[in-house]
Amino acid sequence: MKAEGREPKLPINPAPYLTDWLLEIGPAAPAGESAAAISFSEMAEWSRLIGVDLSPWEARTLRRLSRVFVSQREDARSPACIEPMSKADPEAARTRVEAQLKSMMESLRGRRV
């Protein structure tokens, strides 16, 4: 995409502060020649240094986003990898992703203690 000067299609983000935090922490941790999802201890250290009090659902969501980032990063190394948002019907994919993210956020919000 970069070589072709194209921008990736991104889903609507209902919680942009979480992706901002993920990028500030670092979306992945080094793991030898590869990468791993950020750990809860890395999040706790960032949280302590920055002064952000992460709720349990925010910490779980950041960890989940990190795991997805690492997985997609690995998949993207293959030339056969399809852009996550460019399936056969991009509008349907967008709607599906929005619904999944909304459902995940509602489910996590319901678990809040």
Protein backbone atom coordinates (compact mmCIF):
# COMPACT_ATOMS: atom_id res chain seq x y z
CA MET A 1 0.00 0.00 0.00
CA LYS A 2 2.80 2.39 0.90
CA ALA A 3 4.51 1.78 -2.45
CA GLU A 4 1.23 2.53 -4.21
CA GLY A 5 0.63 5.67 -2.13
CA ARG A 6 -2.61 4.26 -0.69
CA GLU A 7 -3.95 4.84 2.80
CA PRO A 8 -5.48 1.92 4.71
CA LYS A 9 -9.23 1.91 5.28
CA LEU A 10 -9.85 2.06 9.00
CA PRO A 11 -12.98 1.21 10.97
CA ILE A 12 -14.75 3.82 13.06
CA ASN A 13 -13.11 3.95 16.48
CA PRO A 14 -15.58 4.53 19.35
CA ALA A 15 -12.77 4.84 21.92
CA PRO A 16 -9.86 6.68 20.27
CA TYR A 17 -8.18 7.35 23.62
CA LEU A 18 -7.52 3.60 23.93
CA THR A 19 -5.69 3.43 20.62
CA ASP A 20 -3.77 6.57 21.60
CA TRP A 21 -2.73 4.87 24.84
CA LEU A 22 -1.84 1.66 22.99
CA LEU A 23 0.47 3.56 20.66
CA GLU A 24 1.98 5.47 23.58
CA ILE A 25 2.69 2.27 25.52
CA GLY A 26 3.85 0.58 22.35
CA PRO A 27 1.50 -1.73 20.45
CA ALA A 28 3.89 -4.67 20.80
CA ALA A 29 6.77 -5.80 22.95
CA PRO A 30 10.01 -7.24 21.58
CA ALA A 31 10.18 -11.04 21.66
CA GLY A 32 13.40 -12.24 20.10
CA GLU A 33 13.15 -11.83 16.35
CA SER A 34 9.41 -11.33 16.59
CA ALA A 35 6.99 -9.35 18.70
CA ALA A 36 4.56 -10.18 21.49
CA ALA A 37 1.51 -8.49 22.92
CA ILE A 38 2.22 -5.98 25.66
CA SER A 39 1.99 -7.45 29.14
CA PHE A 40 -0.16 -6.29 32.02
CA SER A 41 3.02 -5.42 33.92
CA GLU A 42 4.16 -3.16 31.05
CA MET A 43 0.76 -1.47 31.11
CA ALA A 44 0.93 -1.10 34.90
CA GLU A 45 4.36 0.54 34.67
CA TRP A 46 3.18 2.93 31.94
CA SER A 47 0.06 3.67 33.97
CA ARG A 48 2.12 4.42 37.08
CA LEU A 49 4.58 6.68 35.25
CA ILE A 50 1.97 8.60 33.27
CA GLY A 51 -0.61 8.79 36.05
CA VAL A 52 -3.44 7.07 34.20
CA ASP A 53 -5.65 4.85 36.32
CA LEU A 54 -6.59 2.02 33.96
CA SER A 55 -9.86 0.27 34.66
CA PRO A 56 -9.85 -3.54 34.31
CA TRP A 57 -11.81 -3.41 31.04
CA GLU A 58 -9.44 -0.80 29.59
CA ALA A 59 -6.42 -2.96 30.48
CA ARG A 60 -8.03 -6.07 28.96
CA THR A 61 -8.98 -4.11 25.84
CA LEU A 62 -5.45 -2.73 25.44
CA ARG A 63 -4.04 -6.26 25.78
CA ARG A 64 -6.53 -7.58 23.24
CA LEU A 65 -5.73 -4.74 20.80
CA SER A 66 -2.04 -5.49 21.22
CA ARG A 67 -2.57 -9.21 20.49
CA VAL A 68 -4.56 -8.34 17.35
CA PHE A 69 -1.85 -5.85 16.29
CA VAL A 70 0.88 -8.49 16.66
CA SER A 71 -1.17 -11.09 14.81
CA GLN A 72 -2.03 -8.75 11.92
CA ARG A 73 1.56 -7.53 11.74
CA GLU A 74 2.70 -11.11 11.29
CA ASP A 75 -0.03 -11.91 8.74
CA ALA A 76 0.81 -8.74 6.78
CA ARG A 77 4.29 -10.08 6.02
CA SER A 78 2.66 -12.37 3.47
CA PRO A 79 2.01 -10.83 0.05
CA ALA A 80 -1.26 -12.81 0.02
CA CYS A 81 -2.55 -10.98 3.09
CA ILE A 82 -5.75 -9.10 2.40
CA GLU A 83 -6.26 -5.70 4.01
CA PRO A 84 -8.46 -6.23 7.06
CA MET A 85 -11.02 -3.70 5.82
CA SER A 86 -11.02 -4.59 2.13
CA LYS A 87 -13.02 -7.78 2.03
CA ALA A 88 -15.45 -8.40 -0.83
CA ASP A 89 -17.90 -5.82 0.51
CA PRO A 90 -16.05 -3.03 2.39
CA GLU A 91 -19.29 -1.46 3.74
CA ALA A 92 -20.45 -4.81 5.15
CA ALA A 93 -17.01 -5.36 6.68
CA ARG A 94 -17.12 -1.91 8.27
CA THR A 95 -20.59 -2.53 9.68
CA ARG A 96 -19.49 -5.92 11.03
CA VAL A 97 -16.36 -4.50 12.67
CA GLU A 98 -18.32 -1.61 14.20
CA ALA A 99 -20.90 -4.03 15.60
CA GLN A 100 -18.20 -6.32 17.00
CA LEU A 101 -16.33 -3.45 18.64
CA LYS A 102 -19.55 -1.98 20.04
CA SER A 103 -20.55 -5.38 21.40
CA MET A 104 -17.11 -5.89 22.92
CA MET A 105 -17.18 -2.46 24.56
CA GLU A 106 -20.69 -3.03 25.93
CA SER A 107 -19.72 -6.46 27.24
CA LEU A 108 -16.60 -5.11 28.91
CA ARG A 109 -18.50 -2.15 30.34
CA GLY A 110 -21.00 -4.60 31.88
CA ARG A 111 -18.18 -6.43 33.70
CA ARG A 112 -16.86 -3.24 35.28
CA VAL A 113 -16.60 -3.55 39.05
